[in-house]
Protein backbone atom coordinates (compact mmCIF):
# COMPACT_ATOMS: atom_id res chain seq x y z
CA UNK A 1 135.88 -119.78 28.68
CA UNK A 2 137.65 -123.11 28.43
CA UNK A 3 135.67 -126.20 29.21
CA UNK A 4 136.93 -128.77 31.72
CA UNK A 5 138.09 -131.06 28.95
CA UNK A 6 139.99 -128.30 27.17
CA UNK A 7 141.59 -127.22 30.46
CA UNK A 8 142.80 -130.76 31.10
CA UNK A 9 144.23 -130.95 27.59
CA UNK A 10 146.14 -127.69 28.12
CA UNK A 11 147.42 -128.87 31.52
CA UNK A 12 148.55 -132.11 29.91
CA UNK A 13 150.31 -130.26 27.10
CA UNK A 14 152.07 -127.92 29.54
CA UNK A 15 153.15 -130.88 31.68
CA UNK A 16 154.55 -132.56 28.56
CA UNK A 17 156.40 -129.35 27.68
CA UNK A 18 157.76 -129.10 31.23
CA UNK A 19 159.03 -132.68 31.08
CA UNK A 20 160.58 -131.91 27.71
CA UNK A 21 162.36 -128.90 29.16
CA UNK A 22 164.05 -130.87 31.95
CA UNK A 23 166.66 -132.55 29.69
CA UNK A 24 167.58 -129.07 28.44
CA UNK A 25 167.94 -127.90 32.05
CA UNK A 26 170.19 -130.88 32.86
CA UNK A 27 172.35 -130.27 29.79
CA UNK A 28 172.73 -126.53 30.43
CA UNK A 29 173.39 -127.05 34.16
CA UNK A 30 175.86 -129.78 33.29
CA UNK A 31 178.05 -127.27 31.45
CA UNK A 32 178.60 -125.25 34.63
CA UNK A 33 181.57 -127.19 35.97
CA UNK A 34 183.15 -127.32 32.50
CA UNK A 35 182.94 -123.55 32.09
CA UNK A 36 184.47 -123.10 35.53
CA UNK A 37 187.35 -125.43 34.63
CA UNK A 38 187.94 -123.64 31.32
CA UNK A 39 188.42 -120.33 33.13
CA UNK A 40 191.83 -119.59 34.63
CA UNK A 41 190.59 -116.68 36.76
CA UNK A 42 190.65 -117.05 40.57
CA UNK A 43 187.56 -118.72 42.04
CA UNK A 44 186.24 -115.59 43.84
CA UNK A 45 186.43 -113.63 40.59
CA UNK A 46 184.64 -116.32 38.59
CA UNK A 47 181.89 -116.46 41.20
CA UNK A 48 181.55 -112.67 41.30
CA UNK A 49 181.04 -112.22 37.59
CA UNK A 50 178.93 -115.33 37.12
CA UNK A 51 176.54 -113.99 39.75
CA UNK A 52 176.73 -110.45 38.35
CA UNK A 53 175.62 -111.57 34.88
CA UNK A 54 172.94 -113.83 36.37
CA UNK A 55 171.68 -110.94 38.49
CA UNK A 56 171.44 -108.77 35.39
CA UNK A 57 169.30 -111.45 33.74
CA UNK A 58 166.99 -111.89 36.71
CA UNK A 59 166.55 -108.14 37.24
CA UNK A 60 165.79 -107.56 33.57
CA UNK A 61 163.26 -110.41 33.47
CA UNK A 62 161.63 -109.31 36.72
CA UNK A 63 161.55 -105.68 35.67
CA UNK A 64 159.62 -106.58 32.51
CA UNK A 65 157.18 -109.15 33.89
CA UNK A 66 157.11 -108.80 37.70
CA UNK A 67 157.87 -105.15 38.45
CA UNK A 68 154.94 -104.69 40.84
CA UNK A 69 155.81 -107.82 42.84
CA UNK A 70 158.86 -106.22 44.46
CA UNK A 71 156.40 -104.39 46.72
CA UNK A 72 155.42 -107.78 48.21
CA UNK A 73 158.65 -107.89 50.23
CA UNK A 74 158.25 -106.91 53.86
CA UNK A 75 161.21 -106.35 56.20
CA UNK A 76 161.32 -109.98 57.31
CA UNK A 77 161.22 -111.36 53.77
CA UNK A 78 163.91 -108.94 52.64
CA UNK A 79 166.12 -109.95 55.58
CA UNK A 80 165.67 -113.65 54.79
CA UNK A 81 166.40 -113.00 51.12
CA UNK A 82 169.59 -111.19 52.13
CA UNK A 83 170.72 -114.11 54.31
CA UNK A 84 169.80 -116.50 51.53
CA UNK A 85 171.90 -114.48 49.09
CA UNK A 86 174.95 -114.50 51.36
CA UNK A 87 174.63 -118.28 51.77
CA UNK A 88 174.26 -118.74 48.01
CA UNK A 89 177.36 -116.65 47.35
CA UNK A 90 179.38 -118.75 49.81
CA UNK A 91 178.03 -121.93 48.21
CA UNK A 92 179.35 -120.92 44.81
CA UNK A 93 182.71 -119.88 46.23
CA UNK A 94 183.27 -123.27 47.89
CA UNK A 95 181.99 -125.22 44.90
CA UNK A 96 184.11 -123.32 42.36
CA UNK A 97 187.17 -123.80 44.56
CA UNK A 98 186.43 -127.53 44.90
CA UNK A 99 186.86 -127.87 41.13
CA UNK A 100 190.47 -126.72 41.51
CA UNK A 101 191.26 -129.72 43.71
CA UNK A 102 189.06 -132.60 42.64
CA UNK A 103 187.49 -134.05 39.51
CA UNK A 104 184.34 -132.72 37.88
CA UNK A 105 182.66 -136.07 38.54
CA UNK A 106 183.37 -135.97 42.29
CA UNK A 107 182.61 -132.27 42.74
CA UNK A 108 179.28 -132.26 40.90
CA UNK A 109 178.12 -135.48 42.58
CA UNK A 110 178.98 -134.32 46.09
CA UNK A 111 177.36 -130.93 45.46
CA UNK A 112 174.13 -132.83 44.77
CA UNK A 113 174.12 -133.98 48.42
CA UNK A 114 172.20 -130.73 49.01
CA UNK A 115 169.07 -132.91 48.66
CA UNK A 116 170.23 -134.99 51.62
CA UNK A 117 171.08 -131.94 53.70
CA UNK A 118 167.69 -130.38 52.91
CA UNK A 119 165.96 -133.42 54.43
CA UNK A 120 168.16 -133.18 57.54
CA UNK A 121 167.79 -129.39 57.95
CA UNK A 122 164.04 -129.57 57.39
CA UNK A 123 163.84 -132.18 60.15
CA UNK A 124 166.01 -130.19 62.58
CA UNK A 125 164.88 -126.63 61.82
CA UNK A 126 161.32 -127.07 60.56
CA UNK A 127 160.23 -130.19 62.44
CA UNK A 128 159.36 -132.07 59.26
CA UNK A 129 158.99 -135.83 59.57
CA UNK A 130 161.75 -138.14 58.38
CA UNK A 131 161.02 -141.76 57.51
CA UNK A 132 163.16 -144.87 57.73
CA UNK A 133 163.49 -144.89 53.98
CA UNK A 134 164.81 -141.34 54.06
CA UNK A 135 167.30 -142.29 56.77
CA UNK A 136 168.40 -145.23 54.62
CA UNK A 137 168.89 -142.93 51.63
CA UNK A 138 170.87 -140.44 53.71
CA UNK A 139 173.17 -143.15 55.08
CA UNK A 140 173.64 -144.61 51.60
CA UNK A 141 174.54 -141.19 50.17
CA UNK A 142 177.03 -140.39 52.91
CA UNK A 143 178.62 -143.82 52.56
CA UNK A 144 179.12 -143.02 48.89
CA UNK A 145 180.57 -139.63 49.78
CA UNK A 146 183.04 -141.32 52.14
CA UNK A 147 184.09 -143.78 49.43
CA UNK A 148 184.58 -140.91 46.98
CA UNK A 149 186.63 -138.83 49.40
CA UNK A 150 188.80 -141.60 50.83
CA UNK A 151 189.04 -143.70 47.69
CA UNK A 152 189.80 -140.65 45.62
CA UNK A 153 192.99 -140.05 47.61
CA UNK A 154 194.44 -143.24 46.20
CA UNK A 155 193.09 -142.96 42.64
CA UNK A 156 192.16 -139.44 41.53
CA UNK A 157 195.32 -137.91 43.01
CA UNK A 158 197.43 -140.30 40.92
CA UNK A 159 195.39 -139.78 37.76
CA UNK A 160 194.89 -136.03 37.95
CA UNK A 161 197.60 -134.74 40.31
CA UNK A 162 195.19 -132.94 42.63
CA UNK A 163 194.08 -133.03 46.27
CA UNK A 164 190.74 -134.87 46.08
CA UNK A 165 190.11 -134.95 49.84
CA UNK A 166 190.22 -131.14 50.05
CA UNK A 167 188.16 -130.73 46.89
CA UNK A 168 185.57 -133.30 47.98
CA UNK A 169 185.28 -131.66 51.40
CA UNK A 170 184.70 -128.26 49.78
CA UNK A 171 182.07 -129.73 47.42
CA UNK A 172 180.21 -131.37 50.30
CA UNK A 173 180.31 -128.12 52.28
CA UNK A 174 178.96 -126.35 49.19
CA UNK A 175 176.09 -128.85 49.14
CA UNK A 176 175.33 -128.07 52.79
CA UNK A 177 175.26 -124.33 52.10
CA UNK A 178 172.98 -124.79 49.10
CA UNK A 179 170.63 -126.81 51.29
CA UNK A 180 170.55 -123.90 53.74
CA UNK A 181 169.70 -121.58 50.87
CA UNK A 182 166.84 -123.87 49.79
CA UNK A 183 165.40 -124.20 53.30
CA UNK A 184 165.40 -120.41 53.76
CA UNK A 185 163.89 -119.96 50.30
CA UNK A 186 161.10 -122.44 51.02
CA UNK A 187 159.62 -120.08 53.59
CA UNK A 188 159.94 -116.85 51.58
CA UNK A 189 158.74 -118.38 48.31
CA UNK A 190 155.33 -119.03 49.85
CA UNK A 191 154.74 -115.27 49.76
CA UNK A 192 157.02 -113.91 47.02
CA UNK A 193 157.05 -114.68 43.28
CA UNK A 194 160.12 -116.59 42.16
CA UNK A 195 161.58 -114.02 39.72
CA UNK A 196 161.66 -111.05 42.15
CA UNK A 197 162.93 -113.35 44.89
CA UNK A 198 165.74 -114.68 42.71
CA UNK A 199 166.62 -111.11 41.72
CA UNK A 200 166.98 -109.91 45.31
CA UNK A 201 168.84 -113.05 46.38
CA UNK A 202 171.32 -112.70 43.53
CA UNK A 203 171.96 -109.04 44.34
CA UNK A 204 173.12 -110.03 47.83
CA UNK A 205 174.97 -113.10 46.52
CA UNK A 206 176.85 -110.94 44.04
CA UNK A 207 177.73 -108.38 46.72
CA UNK A 208 179.01 -111.20 48.96
CA UNK A 209 181.17 -112.63 46.18
CA UNK A 210 182.71 -109.27 45.25
CA UNK A 211 183.46 -108.46 48.89
CA UNK A 212 185.18 -111.81 49.31
CA UNK A 213 187.13 -111.36 46.08
CA UNK A 214 188.38 -107.92 47.11
CA UNK A 215 188.97 -109.11 50.68
CA UNK A 216 191.21 -111.93 49.48
CA UNK A 217 193.26 -109.56 47.33
CA UNK A 218 191.92 -110.60 43.92
CA UNK A 219 191.55 -108.04 41.16
CA UNK A 220 187.99 -107.51 39.95
CA UNK A 221 188.97 -104.82 37.45
CA UNK A 222 187.44 -105.20 34.00
CA UNK A 223 190.88 -104.80 32.42
CA UNK A 224 192.46 -107.62 34.44
CA UNK A 225 191.02 -110.42 32.33
CA UNK A 226 191.08 -111.12 28.57
CA UNK A 227 188.05 -111.32 26.32
CA UNK A 228 187.76 -115.11 26.44
CA UNK A 229 187.48 -114.97 30.24
CA UNK A 230 184.62 -112.46 29.95
CA UNK A 231 182.91 -114.78 27.50
CA UNK A 232 183.19 -117.59 30.06
CA UNK A 233 181.87 -115.36 32.88
CA UNK A 234 178.90 -114.39 30.68
CA UNK A 235 178.22 -118.00 29.68
CA UNK A 236 178.27 -119.10 33.35
CA UNK A 237 175.79 -116.43 34.33
CA UNK A 238 173.49 -116.76 31.35
CA UNK A 239 173.36 -120.55 30.97
CA UNK A 240 173.65 -122.52 34.23
CA UNK A 241 172.42 -119.68 36.43
CA UNK A 242 169.73 -117.73 34.58
CA UNK A 243 168.44 -120.11 31.89
CA UNK A 244 168.65 -123.37 33.86
CA UNK A 245 167.17 -121.92 37.05
CA UNK A 246 164.40 -120.06 35.20
CA UNK A 247 163.36 -123.16 33.25
CA UNK A 248 163.51 -125.46 36.29
CA UNK A 249 161.42 -123.03 38.34
CA UNK A 250 158.90 -122.79 35.49
CA UNK A 251 158.68 -126.58 35.25
CA UNK A 252 157.84 -126.80 38.98
CA UNK A 253 154.46 -125.26 38.14
CA UNK A 254 153.51 -128.37 36.13
CA UNK A 255 155.52 -131.29 37.54
CA UNK A 256 156.29 -132.44 41.08
CA UNK A 257 159.43 -131.12 42.77
CA UNK A 258 160.62 -134.71 43.21
CA UNK A 259 160.62 -135.13 39.41
CA UNK A 260 162.78 -132.03 38.99
CA UNK A 261 165.11 -133.17 41.79
CA UNK A 262 165.52 -136.59 40.21
CA UNK A 263 166.19 -134.98 36.83
CA UNK A 264 169.01 -132.97 38.43
CA UNK A 265 170.75 -136.25 39.25
CA UNK A 266 171.64 -136.24 35.57
CA UNK A 267 173.81 -133.15 36.05
CA UNK A 268 176.85 -135.01 37.49
CA UNK A 269 176.58 -137.58 34.71
CA UNK A 270 176.39 -134.89 32.03
CA UNK A 271 179.27 -132.94 33.59
CA UNK A 272 181.41 -136.08 33.91
CA UNK A 273 180.88 -137.01 30.26
CA UNK A 274 181.70 -133.48 29.12
CA UNK A 275 184.81 -133.46 31.34
CA UNK A 276 185.94 -136.76 29.82
CA UNK A 277 185.46 -135.48 26.25
CA UNK A 278 186.60 -131.88 26.64
CA UNK A 279 189.09 -132.05 29.50
CA UNK A 280 190.35 -135.65 29.19
CA UNK A 281 189.47 -136.01 32.86
CA UNK A 282 189.13 -139.63 33.93
CA UNK A 283 187.56 -140.23 37.36
CA UNK A 284 189.14 -142.93 39.50
CA UNK A 285 187.50 -146.12 40.71
CA UNK A 286 186.72 -144.59 44.11
CA UNK A 287 184.91 -141.69 42.47
CA UNK A 288 182.86 -143.93 40.18
CA UNK A 289 181.82 -146.39 42.91
CA UNK A 290 181.19 -143.65 45.46
CA UNK A 291 179.29 -141.61 42.89
CA UNK A 292 176.91 -144.48 42.16
CA UNK A 293 176.29 -144.99 45.89
CA UNK A 294 175.77 -141.28 46.49
CA UNK A 295 173.37 -140.77 43.59
CA UNK A 296 171.45 -143.91 44.60
CA UNK A 297 171.05 -142.58 48.15
CA UNK A 298 169.91 -139.19 46.85
CA UNK A 299 167.40 -140.90 44.53
CA UNK A 300 165.91 -142.88 47.43
CA UNK A 301 165.60 -139.72 49.53
CA UNK A 302 164.04 -137.68 46.72
CA UNK A 303 161.53 -140.41 45.86
CA UNK A 304 160.44 -140.52 49.49
CA UNK A 305 159.73 -136.78 49.43
């Protein structure tokens, strides 16, 4: 049996390891938007196969280590997981499509507003308290989002030849949907282990994506896309979805959720730098200024929670 001192040493070592893992999570998650931009497949198809490969990873992992935990689902939990999966699938569809119309910097930053929406939804739906500092952070973040969306019309559209207002709107809506997914998950995760829960959620998310792809007339046939597209689909599912989410969920066992949330603020920065180097994508002044305001507001909100 470990003594108290030995236990504390192990806890300290695991916390250090968890903190060391977070930069890896940020880097892997930061590649997501770049992989999406590299792919020329339609957004619903990219979402479908990203989720399919991620689902395969989660089911394999859960089948090896958490097989017995699937019995923990009751009818209510399974229903909530299904709703959560549908919402997650819609989130990815809107976010992937946003990258068609706006810059990586704007899309990834506005998608991070999910933290702001979580605070609002938790207040409205769960009756959680909301402080003045949180309200300040929310207002600051939305002011930044407004600057990005409106300022981007004058700058990003000239630099990149896209429709930033549409893209920014889609990215913000994606953030709202992801917040809904998190609020639903918060309840279920109190009773269900994370790996089985993520497996079930991704099954429904994948089904949602494929139905939307077929419903919009896109081909999901394996022969419709070349090998390099399949490599991108696999990389999306394995890296940003399975690896990043598994590591971030593991780190939550040893560090506070606020630490993980703050670490994720590095994702837009990582994605923007990669987009600049690999895609020659230069964000406009409105995106840069609005991005700083938005991330600052999110940071204030996260620190309060």
